[in-house]
Structure formats: structure tokens, C-alpha cells
C-alpha atoms as a PDB file:
ATOM      1  CA  MET A   1     -11.981  24.908 -75.228  1.00  0.00           C
ATOM      2  CA  ALA A   2     -14.578  22.999 -76.915  1.00  0.00           C
ATOM      3  CA  LEU A   3     -12.740  19.956 -77.026  1.00  0.00           C
ATOM      4  CA  GLU A   4     -11.819  20.474 -73.691  1.00  0.00           C
ATOM      5  CA  TYR A   5     -15.731  20.930 -73.000  1.00  0.00           C
ATOM      6  CA  ALA A   6     -16.745  17.871 -75.094  1.00  0.00           C
ATOM      7  CA  ILE A   7     -14.209  15.238 -73.413  1.00  0.00           C
ATOM      8  CA  ARG A   8     -15.115  16.217 -70.150  1.00  0.00           C
ATOM      9  CA  ARG A   9     -18.865  15.305 -71.084  1.00  0.00           C
ATOM     10  CA  VAL A  10     -18.200  11.908 -72.815  1.00  0.00           C
ATOM     11  CA  GLN A  11     -18.899   9.009 -70.428  1.00  0.00           C
ATOM     12  CA  VAL A  12     -16.267   6.085 -71.483  1.00  0.00           C
ATOM     13  CA  ASN A  13     -16.312   2.780 -70.807  1.00  0.00           C
ATOM     14  CA  GLN A  14     -13.587   1.932 -68.158  1.00  0.00           C
ATOM     15  CA  ASP A  15     -13.575  -1.788 -68.503  1.00  0.00           C
ATOM     16  CA  GLY A  16      -9.987  -2.404 -70.261  1.00  0.00           C
ATOM     17  CA  LEU A  17      -6.975  -1.702 -69.287  1.00  0.00           C
ATOM     18  CA  LYS A  18      -6.375  -3.369 -65.531  1.00  0.00           C
ATOM     19  CA  LEU A  19      -4.359  -1.046 -63.967  1.00  0.00           C
ATOM     20  CA  ASN A  20      -5.535   0.765 -61.142  1.00  0.00           C
ATOM     21  CA  ARG A  21      -8.216   2.302 -62.719  1.00  0.00           C
ATOM     22  CA  ALA A  22      -6.038   3.941 -65.227  1.00  0.00           C
ATOM     23  CA  HIS A  23      -7.645   6.363 -67.834  1.00  0.00           C
ATOM     24  CA  GLN A  24      -9.308   5.187 -70.926  1.00  0.00           C
ATOM     25  CA  LEU A  25      -8.835   8.680 -72.595  1.00  0.00           C
ATOM     26  CA  LEU A  26      -5.865  10.812 -72.916  1.00  0.00           C
ATOM     27  CA  ALA A  27      -5.928  14.040 -74.757  1.00  0.00           C
ATOM     28  CA  TYR A  28      -3.345  16.817 -75.093  1.00  0.00           C
ATOM     29  CA  ALA A  29      -3.970  19.976 -77.443  1.00  0.00           C
ATOM     30  CA  ASP A  30      -5.860  18.125 -80.171  1.00  0.00           C
ATOM     31  CA  ASP A  31      -3.911  14.440 -79.780  1.00  0.00           C
ATOM     32  CA  VAL A  32      -6.570  12.347 -78.356  1.00  0.00           C
ATOM     33  CA  ASN A  33      -5.430   9.031 -76.990  1.00  0.00           C
ATOM     34  CA  ILE A  34      -7.991   6.612 -76.958  1.00  0.00           C
ATOM     35  CA  LEU A  35      -7.189   3.304 -74.883  1.00  0.00           C
ATOM     36  CA  GLY A  36      -8.486  -0.107 -74.334  1.00  0.00           C
ATOM     37  CA  GLY A  37      -8.341  -3.831 -73.218  1.00  0.00           C
ATOM     38  CA  SER A  38     -10.529  -5.018 -76.603  1.00  0.00           C
ATOM     39  CA  ILE A  39     -11.456  -3.805 -79.938  1.00  0.00           C
ATOM     40  CA  GLU A  40     -15.480  -3.641 -78.279  1.00  0.00           C
ATOM     41  CA  THR A  41     -14.298  -1.384 -75.536  1.00  0.00           C
ATOM     42  CA  LEU A  42     -12.413   0.644 -78.115  1.00  0.00           C
ATOM     43  CA  LYS A  43     -14.754   1.276 -80.820  1.00  0.00           C
ATOM     44  CA  GLU A  44     -17.630   2.128 -77.442  1.00  0.00           C
ATOM     45  CA  ASN A  45     -15.170   4.975 -76.323  1.00  0.00           C
ATOM     46  CA  THR A  46     -14.239   6.183 -79.783  1.00  0.00           C
ATOM     47  CA  ASP A  47     -18.166   6.309 -80.773  1.00  0.00           C
ATOM     48  CA  ALA A  48     -18.814   7.848 -77.326  1.00  0.00           C
ATOM     49  CA  LEU A  49     -16.323  10.472 -77.579  1.00  0.00           C
ATOM     50  CA  VAL A  50     -17.617  11.124 -81.439  1.00  0.00           C
ATOM     51  CA  ALA A  51     -21.083  11.860 -80.702  1.00  0.00           C
ATOM     52  CA  ALA A  52     -20.464  14.042 -78.040  1.00  0.00           C
ATOM     53  CA  THR A  53     -17.896  16.376 -79.991  1.00  0.00           C
ATOM     54  CA  ARG A  54     -20.481  15.967 -82.809  1.00  0.00           C
ATOM     55  CA  GLU A  55     -22.907  17.835 -80.703  1.00  0.00           C
ATOM     56  CA  ILE A  56     -20.781  20.912 -80.702  1.00  0.00           C
ATOM     57  CA  GLY A  57     -19.587  20.649 -84.226  1.00  0.00           C
ATOM     58  CA  LEU A  58     -16.333  19.076 -84.560  1.00  0.00           C
ATOM     59  CA  GLU A  59     -15.257  16.649 -86.633  1.00  0.00           C
ATOM     60  CA  VAL A  60     -12.660  13.424 -86.339  1.00  0.00           C
ATOM     61  CA  SER A  61      -9.595  13.645 -88.927  1.00  0.00           C
ATOM     62  CA  ALA A  62     -10.218  10.369 -90.162  1.00  0.00           C
ATOM     63  CA  ASP A  63      -6.688  10.245 -92.557  1.00  0.00           C
ATOM     64  CA  LYS A  64      -4.464  11.452 -89.256  1.00  0.00           C
ATOM     65  CA  THR A  65      -6.152   8.854 -87.039  1.00  0.00           C
ATOM     66  CA  LYS A  66      -5.153   5.098 -86.532  1.00  0.00           C
ATOM     67  CA  TYR A  67      -5.473   2.030 -84.368  1.00  0.00           C
ATOM     68  CA  MET A  68      -2.487  -0.076 -83.030  1.00  0.00           C
ATOM     69  CA  VAL A  69      -3.108  -3.268 -81.312  1.00  0.00           C
ATOM     70  CA  MET A  70      -0.165  -3.463 -78.870  1.00  0.00           C
ATOM     71  CA  SER A  71       0.318  -7.194 -77.787  1.00  0.00           C
ATOM     72  CA  ARG A  72       2.834 -10.039 -77.088  1.00  0.00           C
ATOM     73  CA  ASP A  73       1.081 -11.974 -79.918  1.00  0.00           C
ATOM     74  CA  GLN A  74       1.957 -10.548 -83.186  1.00  0.00           C
ATOM     75  CA  ASN A  75      -1.198 -11.808 -84.779  1.00  0.00           C
ATOM     76  CA  ALA A  76      -3.580 -10.308 -82.201  1.00  0.00           C
ATOM     77  CA  GLY A  77      -6.576  -8.241 -83.484  1.00  0.00           C
ATOM     78  CA  ARG A  78      -5.487  -8.915 -87.094  1.00  0.00           C
ATOM     79  CA  ILE A  79      -8.934  -9.915 -88.217  1.00  0.00           C
ATOM     80  CA  HIS A  80     -10.452  -6.937 -86.947  1.00  0.00           C
ATOM     81  CA  SER A  81     -11.437  -3.868 -88.752  1.00  0.00           C
ATOM     82  CA  PHE A  82     -12.076  -0.358 -87.017  1.00  0.00           C
ATOM     83  CA  ARG A  83     -15.354   0.782 -88.274  1.00  0.00           C
ATOM     84  CA  ILE A  84     -17.043   4.466 -86.965  1.00  0.00           C
ATOM     85  CA  ASP A  85     -19.478   6.436 -88.928  1.00  0.00           C
ATOM     86  CA  ASN A  86     -18.665   4.637 -92.083  1.00  0.00           C
ATOM     87  CA  ILE A  87     -15.338   5.687 -91.842  1.00  0.00           C
ATOM     88  CA  THR A  88     -12.438   2.386 -91.866  1.00  0.00           C
ATOM     89  CA  PHE A  89      -9.498   3.531 -89.370  1.00  0.00           C
ATOM     90  CA  GLU A  90      -6.017   1.987 -90.934  1.00  0.00           C
ATOM     91  CA  ARG A  91      -4.279  -0.396 -88.234  1.00  0.00           C
ATOM     92  CA  VAL A  92      -0.588   0.569 -88.137  1.00  0.00           C
ATOM     93  CA  GLU A  93       2.295  -1.513 -86.442  1.00  0.00           C
ATOM     94  CA  GLU A  94       3.559   1.928 -85.115  1.00  0.00           C
ATOM     95  CA  PHE A  95       2.951   5.509 -84.869  1.00  0.00           C
ATOM     96  CA  LYS A  96       4.486   8.544 -83.560  1.00  0.00           C
ATOM     97  CA  TYR A  97       2.503  10.195 -80.387  1.00  0.00           C
ATOM     98  CA  LEU A  98       3.706  13.528 -79.096  1.00  0.00           C
ATOM     99  CA  GLY A  99       6.965  12.681 -80.501  1.00  0.00           C
ATOM    100  CA  THR A 100       7.485   9.364 -79.418  1.00  0.00           C
ATOM    101  CA  THR A 101       7.489   6.418 -81.439  1.00  0.00           C
ATOM    102  CA  LEU A 102       5.262   4.098 -80.381  1.00  0.00           C
ATOM    103  CA  THR A 103       5.268  -0.064 -81.354  1.00  0.00           C
ATOM    104  CA  ASN A 104       2.468  -2.615 -81.386  1.00  0.00           C
ATOM    105  CA  PRO A 105       5.029  -5.332 -78.470  1.00  0.00           C
ATOM    106  CA  ASN A 106       5.522  -2.248 -76.808  1.00  0.00           C
ATOM    107  CA  SER A 107       9.282  -2.466 -77.470  1.00  0.00           C
ATOM    108  CA  ILE A 108      11.778   0.526 -76.912  1.00  0.00           C
ATOM    109  CA  ALA A 109      13.803  -0.421 -79.823  1.00  0.00           C
ATOM    110  CA  GLU A 110      12.378   1.578 -82.206  1.00  0.00           C
ATOM    111  CA  GLU A 111      12.070   4.660 -80.181  1.00  0.00           C
ATOM    112  CA  ILE A 112      15.922   4.430 -79.845  1.00  0.00           C
ATOM    113  CA  LYS A 113      16.604   4.067 -83.143  1.00  0.00           C
ATOM    114  CA  SER A 114      14.468   6.687 -84.219  1.00  0.00           C
ATOM    115  CA  ARG A 115      16.519   9.231 -81.992  1.00  0.00           C
ATOM    116  CA  LEU A 116      19.598   7.844 -83.125  1.00  0.00           C
ATOM    117  CA  GLU A 117      18.735   8.640 -86.753  1.00  0.00           C
ATOM    118  CA  SER A 118      17.167  12.115 -85.641  1.00  0.00           C
ATOM    119  CA  GLY A 119      20.768  12.541 -83.988  1.00  0.00           C
ATOM    120  CA  SER A 120      22.682  11.469 -86.793  1.00  0.00           C
ATOM    121  CA  ALA A 121      20.752  13.813 -88.918  1.00  0.00           C
ATOM    122  CA  CYS A 122      21.570  16.627 -86.514  1.00  0.00           C
ATOM    123  CA  TYR A 123      25.478  15.519 -86.417  1.00  0.00           C
ATOM    124  CA  HIS A 124      25.644  15.412 -89.863  1.00  0.00           C
ATOM    125  CA  SER A 125      24.171  19.539 -90.017  1.00  0.00           C
ATOM    126  CA  VAL A 126      26.508  20.454 -87.718  1.00  0.00           C
ATOM    127  CA  GLN A 127      29.568  18.603 -88.848  1.00  0.00           C
ATOM    128  CA  ASN A 128      31.454  21.488 -90.383  1.00  0.00           C
ATOM    129  CA  LEU A 129      31.475  22.917 -87.762  1.00  0.00           C
ATOM    130  CA  LEU A 130      32.744  20.061 -85.401  1.00  0.00           C
ATOM    131  CA  SER A 131      35.411  19.957 -87.893  1.00  0.00           C
ATOM    132  CA  SER A 132      36.841  23.649 -88.013  1.00  0.00           C
ATOM    133  CA  ARG A 133      40.101  24.706 -86.610  1.00  0.00           C
ATOM    134  CA  LEU A 134      38.360  28.375 -86.379  1.00  0.00           C
ATOM    135  CA  LEU A 135      36.860  26.958 -83.405  1.00  0.00           C
ATOM    136  CA  SER A 136      37.958  25.809 -80.043  1.00  0.00           C
ATOM    137  CA  LYS A 137      36.978  22.386 -78.321  1.00  0.00           C
ATOM    138  CA  ASN A 138      34.715  23.992 -75.416  1.00  0.00           C
ATOM    139  CA  LEU A 139      32.397  25.234 -78.000  1.00  0.00           C
ATOM    140  CA  LYS A 140      32.359  22.417 -80.185  1.00  0.00           C
ATOM    141  CA  ILE A 141      31.282  20.383 -77.172  1.00  0.00           C
ATOM    142  CA  LYS A 142      28.943  23.530 -76.151  1.00  0.00           C
ATOM    143  CA  ILE A 143      27.274  23.097 -79.630  1.00  0.00           C
ATOM    144  CA  TYR A 144      27.049  18.725 -79.181  1.00  0.00           C
ATOM    145  CA  ARG A 145      25.513  19.481 -76.053  1.00  0.00           C
ATOM    146  CA  THR A 146      22.854  21.905 -76.937  1.00  0.00           C
ATOM    147  CA  VAL A 147      22.271  21.013 -80.142  1.00  0.00           C
ATOM    148  CA  ILE A 148      22.749  17.055 -80.705  1.00  0.00           C
ATOM    149  CA  LEU A 149      22.183  16.256 -77.316  1.00  0.00           C
ATOM    150  CA  PRO A 150      18.592  17.256 -76.327  1.00  0.00           C
ATOM    151  CA  VAL A 151      17.611  15.367 -80.280  1.00  0.00           C
ATOM    152  CA  VAL A 152      19.297  11.924 -79.143  1.00  0.00           C
ATOM    153  CA  LEU A 153      17.473  12.286 -75.309  1.00  0.00           C
ATOM    154  CA  TYR A 154      14.196  13.239 -75.803  1.00  0.00           C
ATOM    155  CA  GLY A 155      11.634  11.706 -73.808  1.00  0.00           C
ATOM    156  CA  CYS A 156      14.684   9.299 -72.108  1.00  0.00           C
ATOM    157  CA  GLU A 157      12.892   9.816 -68.855  1.00  0.00           C
ATOM    158  CA  THR A 158      10.150   6.752 -70.120  1.00  0.00           C
ATOM    159  CA  TRP A 159      13.018   4.950 -71.527  1.00  0.00           C
ATOM    160  CA  SER A 160      14.098   1.307 -70.061  1.00  0.00           C
ATOM    161  CA  LEU A 161      17.138   0.323 -71.666  1.00  0.00           C
ATOM    162  CA  THR A 162      18.913  -3.316 -72.095  1.00  0.00           C
ATOM    163  CA  LEU A 163      22.445  -3.468 -72.916  1.00  0.00           C
ATOM    164  CA  ARG A 164      21.927  -3.341 -76.575  1.00  0.00           C
ATOM    165  CA  GLU A 165      20.491   0.239 -76.476  1.00  0.00           C
ATOM    166  CA  GLU A 166      23.351   1.567 -74.102  1.00  0.00           C
ATOM    167  CA  ARG A 167      26.166   0.195 -76.296  1.00  0.00           C
ATOM    168  CA  LYS A 168      24.115   2.222 -79.575  1.00  0.00           C
ATOM    169  CA  LEU A 169      24.045   5.361 -77.615  1.00  0.00           C
ATOM    170  CA  ARG A 170      27.701   5.344 -76.466  1.00  0.00           C
ATOM    171  CA  VAL A 171      28.470   4.213 -79.939  1.00  0.00           C
ATOM    172  CA  PHE A 172      27.032   7.648 -81.435  1.00  0.00           C
ATOM    173  CA  VAL A 173      28.583   9.662 -79.053  1.00  0.00           C
ATOM    174  CA  ASN A 174      32.414   8.679 -79.354  1.00  0.00           C
ATOM    175  CA  MET A 175      31.678   8.902 -82.982  1.00  0.00           C
ATOM    176  CA  VAL A 176      30.647  12.864 -82.196  1.00  0.00           C
ATOM    177  CA  LEU A 177      33.343  12.925 -79.504  1.00  0.00           C
ATOM    178  CA  ARG A 178      36.009  11.548 -82.194  1.00  0.00           C
ATOM    179  CA  ARG A 179      35.048  14.275 -84.431  1.00  0.00           C
ATOM    180  CA  ILE A 180      35.510  16.952 -81.720  1.00  0.00           C
ATOM    181  CA  PHE A 181      38.606  16.006 -80.445  1.00  0.00           C
ATOM    182  CA  GLU A 182      40.048  14.610 -84.211  1.00  0.00           C
ATOM    183  CA  PRO A 183      42.781  12.280 -84.384  1.00  0.00           C
ATOM    184  CA  ARG A 184      46.344  11.979 -82.642  1.00  0.00           C
ATOM    185  CA  ARG A 185      49.387  11.828 -84.194  1.00  0.00           C
ATOM    186  CA  GLN A 186      52.262   9.433 -82.796  1.00  0.00           C
ATOM    187  CA  GLU A 187      55.386  11.142 -82.034  1.00  0.00           C
ATOM    188  CA  VAL A 188      57.508   8.214 -82.636  1.00  0.00           C
ATOM    189  CA  THR A 189      55.899   6.852 -85.859  1.00  0.00           C
ATOM    190  CA  GLY A 190      53.659   9.775 -87.216  1.00  0.00           C
ATOM    191  CA  ASP A 191      50.955   7.870 -88.044  1.00  0.00           C
ATOM    192  CA  TRP A 192      47.072   9.281 -87.206  1.00  0.00           C
ATOM    193  CA  ARG A 193      45.337   7.209 -85.164  1.00  0.00           C
ATOM    194  CA  ARG A 194      41.949   7.089 -83.599  1.00  0.00           C
ATOM    195  CA  LEU A 195      41.216   7.810 -80.014  1.00  0.00           C
ATOM    196  CA  HIS A 196      40.229   5.385 -77.795  1.00  0.00           C
ATOM    197  CA  ASN A 197      37.156   4.791 -75.451  1.00  0.00           C
ATOM    198  CA  GLY A 198      38.860   5.463 -72.444  1.00  0.00           C
ATOM    199  CA  LYS A 199      40.899   8.445 -73.818  1.00  0.00           C
ATOM    200  CA  LEU A 200      37.557   9.712 -75.224  1.00  0.00           C
ATOM    201  CA  ASN A 201      36.304   9.872 -71.519  1.00  0.00           C
ATOM    202  CA  ASP A 202      39.101  11.450 -70.308  1.00  0.00           C
ATOM    203  CA  LEU A 203      38.964  14.359 -72.792  1.00  0.00           C
ATOM    204  CA  TYR A 204      35.120  15.083 -72.495  1.00  0.00           C
ATOM    205  CA  SER A 205      34.897  15.805 -68.578  1.00  0.00           C
ATOM    206  CA  SER A 206      31.110  16.151 -68.262  1.00  0.00           C
ATOM    207  CA  PRO A 207      29.174  12.678 -68.310  1.00  0.00           C
ATOM    208  CA  ASN A 208      28.184  11.216 -71.053  1.00  0.00           C
ATOM    209  CA  ASN A 209      24.611  10.076 -72.404  1.00  0.00           C
ATOM    210  CA  LEU A 210      24.298   7.082 -69.961  1.00  0.00           C
ATOM    211  CA  PRO A 211      24.549   8.776 -66.565  1.00  0.00           C
ATOM    212  CA  VAL A 212      22.469  12.071 -67.914  1.00  0.00           C
ATOM    213  CA  ILE A 213      19.460   9.331 -68.976  1.00  0.00           C
ATOM    214  CA  LYS A 214      20.176   7.757 -65.342  1.00  0.00           C
ATOM    215  CA  LEU A 215      19.758  11.298 -63.259  1.00  0.00           C
ATOM    216  CA  ARG A 216      16.876  12.568 -65.867  1.00  0.00           C
ATOM    217  CA  ARG A 217      14.579   9.295 -64.769  1.00  0.00           C
ATOM    218  CA  MET A 218      15.952   9.737 -61.104  1.00  0.00           C
ATOM    219  CA  ARG A 219      14.530  13.284 -61.541  1.00  0.00           C
ATOM    220  CA  TRP A 220      11.054  12.384 -63.443  1.00  0.00           C
ATOM    221  CA  SER A 221      10.601   9.306 -60.599  1.00  0.00           C
ATOM    222  CA  GLU A 222      10.475  11.877 -58.252  1.00  0.00           C
ATOM    223  CA  HIS A 223       8.546  14.492 -59.736  1.00  0.00           C
ATOM    224  CA  VAL A 224       6.342  11.978 -60.324  1.00  0.00           C
ATOM    225  CA  ALA A 225       5.797  10.269 -56.541  1.00  0.00           C
ATOM    226  CA  GLN A 226       4.863  13.929 -55.314  1.00  0.00           C
ATOM    227  CA  MET A 227       1.934  14.112 -57.498  1.00  0.00           C
ATOM    228  CA  GLY A 228      -0.270  12.406 -55.273  1.00  0.00           C
ATOM    229  CA  GLU A 229      -2.707   9.341 -55.811  1.00  0.00           C
ATOM    230  CA  GLU A 230      -4.975  11.544 -58.094  1.00  0.00           C
ATOM    231  CA  ARG A 231      -3.005  11.631 -60.722  1.00  0.00           C
ATOM    232  CA  GLY A 232      -3.071   9.355 -63.358  1.00  0.00           C
ATOM    233  CA  MET A 233       0.892   9.644 -63.641  1.00  0.00           C
ATOM    234  CA  TYR A 234       1.117   8.338 -59.829  1.00  0.00           C
ATOM    235  CA  ARG A 235      -1.439   5.411 -60.620  1.00  0.00           C
ATOM    236  CA  ILE A 236       0.386   3.691 -63.291  1.00  0.00           C
ATOM    237  CA  LEU A 237       3.821   4.291 -61.636  1.00  0.00           C
ATOM    238  CA  VAL A 238       2.581   2.232 -58.732  1.00  0.00           C
ATOM    239  CA  GLY A 239       0.022   0.020 -59.786  1.00  0.00           C
ATOM    240  CA  LYS A 240       0.544  -3.913 -60.828  1.00  0.00           C
ATOM    241  CA  PRO A 241      -0.963  -5.237 -63.435  1.00  0.00           C
ATOM    242  CA  GLU A 242      -3.630  -8.192 -63.341  1.00  0.00           C
ATOM    243  CA  GLY A 243      -3.412 -11.350 -65.179  1.00  0.00           C
ATOM    244  CA  ARG A 244      -0.401 -13.987 -64.968  1.00  0.00           C
ATOM    245  CA  ARG A 245       2.983 -13.273 -66.577  1.00  0.00           C
ATOM    246  CA  PRO A 246       3.704 -15.168 -70.014  1.00  0.00           C
ATOM    247  CA  LEU A 247       6.250 -17.759 -70.298  1.00  0.00           C
ATOM    248  CA  GLY A 248       9.834 -16.742 -70.470  1.00  0.00           C
ATOM    249  CA  ARG A 249      11.940 -14.072 -69.449  1.00  0.00           C
ATOM    250  CA  PRO A 250       9.911 -10.984 -67.671  1.00  0.00           C
ATOM    251  CA  ARG A 251      11.225  -7.669 -70.028  1.00  0.00           C
ATOM    252  CA  ARG A 252      13.150  -5.114 -68.231  1.00  0.00           C
ATOM    253  CA  ARG A 253      10.767  -2.483 -66.526  1.00  0.00           C
ATOM    254  CA  TRP A 254      11.388   0.843 -66.304  1.00  0.00           C
ATOM    255  CA  MET A 255      11.154   0.586 -62.235  1.00  0.00           C
ATOM    256  CA  ASP A 256      13.560  -1.829 -62.241  1.00  0.00           C
ATOM    257  CA  ASN A 257      16.051   0.519 -63.903  1.00  0.00           C
ATOM    258  CA  ILE A 258      15.156   3.114 -60.813  1.00  0.00           C
ATOM    259  CA  ARG A 259      16.121   0.654 -58.127  1.00  0.00           C
ATOM    260  CA  LYS A 260      19.189  -0.563 -59.520  1.00  0.00           C
ATOM    261  CA  TYR A 261      20.373   3.111 -59.560  1.00  0.00           C
ATOM    262  CA  LEU A 262      19.318   3.721 -56.372  1.00  0.00           C
ATOM    263  CA  GLN A 263      21.559   0.648 -55.419  1.00  0.00           C
ATOM    264  CA  GLU A 264      24.498   2.473 -57.152  1.00  0.00           C
ATOM    265  CA  VAL A 265      24.347   5.477 -55.123  1.00  0.00           C
ATOM    266  CA  GLY A 266      24.002   3.732 -51.776  1.00  0.00           C
ATOM    267  CA  CYS A 267      20.425   4.353 -51.503  1.00  0.00           C
ATOM    268  CA  GLY A 268      19.763   0.770 -50.746  1.00  0.00           C
ATOM    269  CA  TYR A 269      15.640  -0.139 -51.944  1.00  0.00           C
ATOM    270  CA  MET A 270      13.171   2.105 -51.327  1.00  0.00           C
ATOM    271  CA  ASP A 271       9.610   2.149 -51.877  1.00  0.00           C
END
């Protein structure tokens, strides 16, 4: 309540991100994220927040406070130091915020890698159950859906996947399914062979990861579209960044995935 009171009183500089007056200060419980289009704007907003919280007896946790420059230019911001009230904050290339890995080039690859590593650790913790002959295939699939899959797909509503990331997710899913359905023995030769991907899909009647991700993103887009223009999430969804695109092929945007899914289900283009 004290932090909420201080945040409502602080006056931040809105001269930063050029995206439909996007918020410069985001807070979730005691995790505060300050955004700015430059180091100077970031320092000004941080000073304002520190001053507002100090008045009611709150202090910044310096060891847990980091700053990061998100830019296509990997050398951007390297010569700057960030110092507030004789405290120098560490500059990092990536960090986790609310369980999601954010990187300075704003790439989803590291987040997918982190999700797959967490999923692999979860898979190995229940590997003996998936290999046990005492459990039925249906029970093993339930373990996969309720224990492993939520770990891998955490935050997938905001992913903008490329073909490379989609392939990595398929490889992980097929690895788990091969453990569940086990190798098959050929009747003629008696040799054991691994199941091919097509056979795994036939045995696993439920949709794999990619259709689930598509469904969750479509559901999330509908949820955001119904928020209204006063919500920051809606303004970011429909906003268009100012300035010019850099040279080269543009990145796959989140909205591009949504429009592609709409065309796949026969809805065509929708605003």
C-alpha cells in the first residue's frame, strides 16, 4: 500500500517511448520497471521515484536493481554509467522480469531457450514415471500436460515465433512423447525402432505445442482488444512506433502471427 501510494504521487517524464503515450513506469507488487527513451530520461524518472518513496520510508534494493539498454545496436549505452544517490547500478545484457527473460536486442530466442531448459529439468524429474510400466499411457499423458507442458509454455501468449523456435519446440515435444509411447518392435525382424514423428502425432490425439500456443495467443489478443483505449496494454497492441525502420528484413511481429492465424481459420484480415 505504501509503494502504491508513492507511485501514484510520482511525476515521471513521459518523453521516452514513442508509442501512443505508453507508460514510463510499470509496477507489479514490489517489482518496478522504469522505461525511458534515453539514459537521461531514465535517470530523471528514477530520481523522481526514489524521492517519492524516501518520503514514506522506503528504500531501493540496490543489489536487485539492474538496468539494460534495449537496442539493435549492441554498442548502445556501453559508455554510460547509471548512478543514483551514490549507488551505481549494474548494466546487464538480460534479466528475468515476472518470470520472463528479457534481452537487450529484444529477442525471443533466449526466452525459448530458458523455457526449454526448465521443461527439460521438469521432464527428467518425472522421467521414471513416464517410463514405468505400472502406469497407463493416458496417465502418463496427463502427467505431461499438467506437469511439463505448463512449464514450457509459460508466457507463450506474448511469443512471436520463427520457424527455428517452432522446430525447437517440436523436438522437445517429440522427445517426451517417445518416452511415453516407447519404441516399437518389428514383427518380422524383431528389431526395436524409434517412432517417427508422424506416428507420434497419430498416437497423441491431442494438439501438440504449436496449436496450443496459437490458441492461447488468439485468446489473449481477444482479451486485450476488449480492454478499451484507456488501458496501456491495448494502446501498445494498436500503437505504431514513430521513426523509421532500420535497413534489412523486418522482424516477425506478434501481430503478424495473429493475422496469419486468422487467415488459417478462414477469418481473413481483421482490424
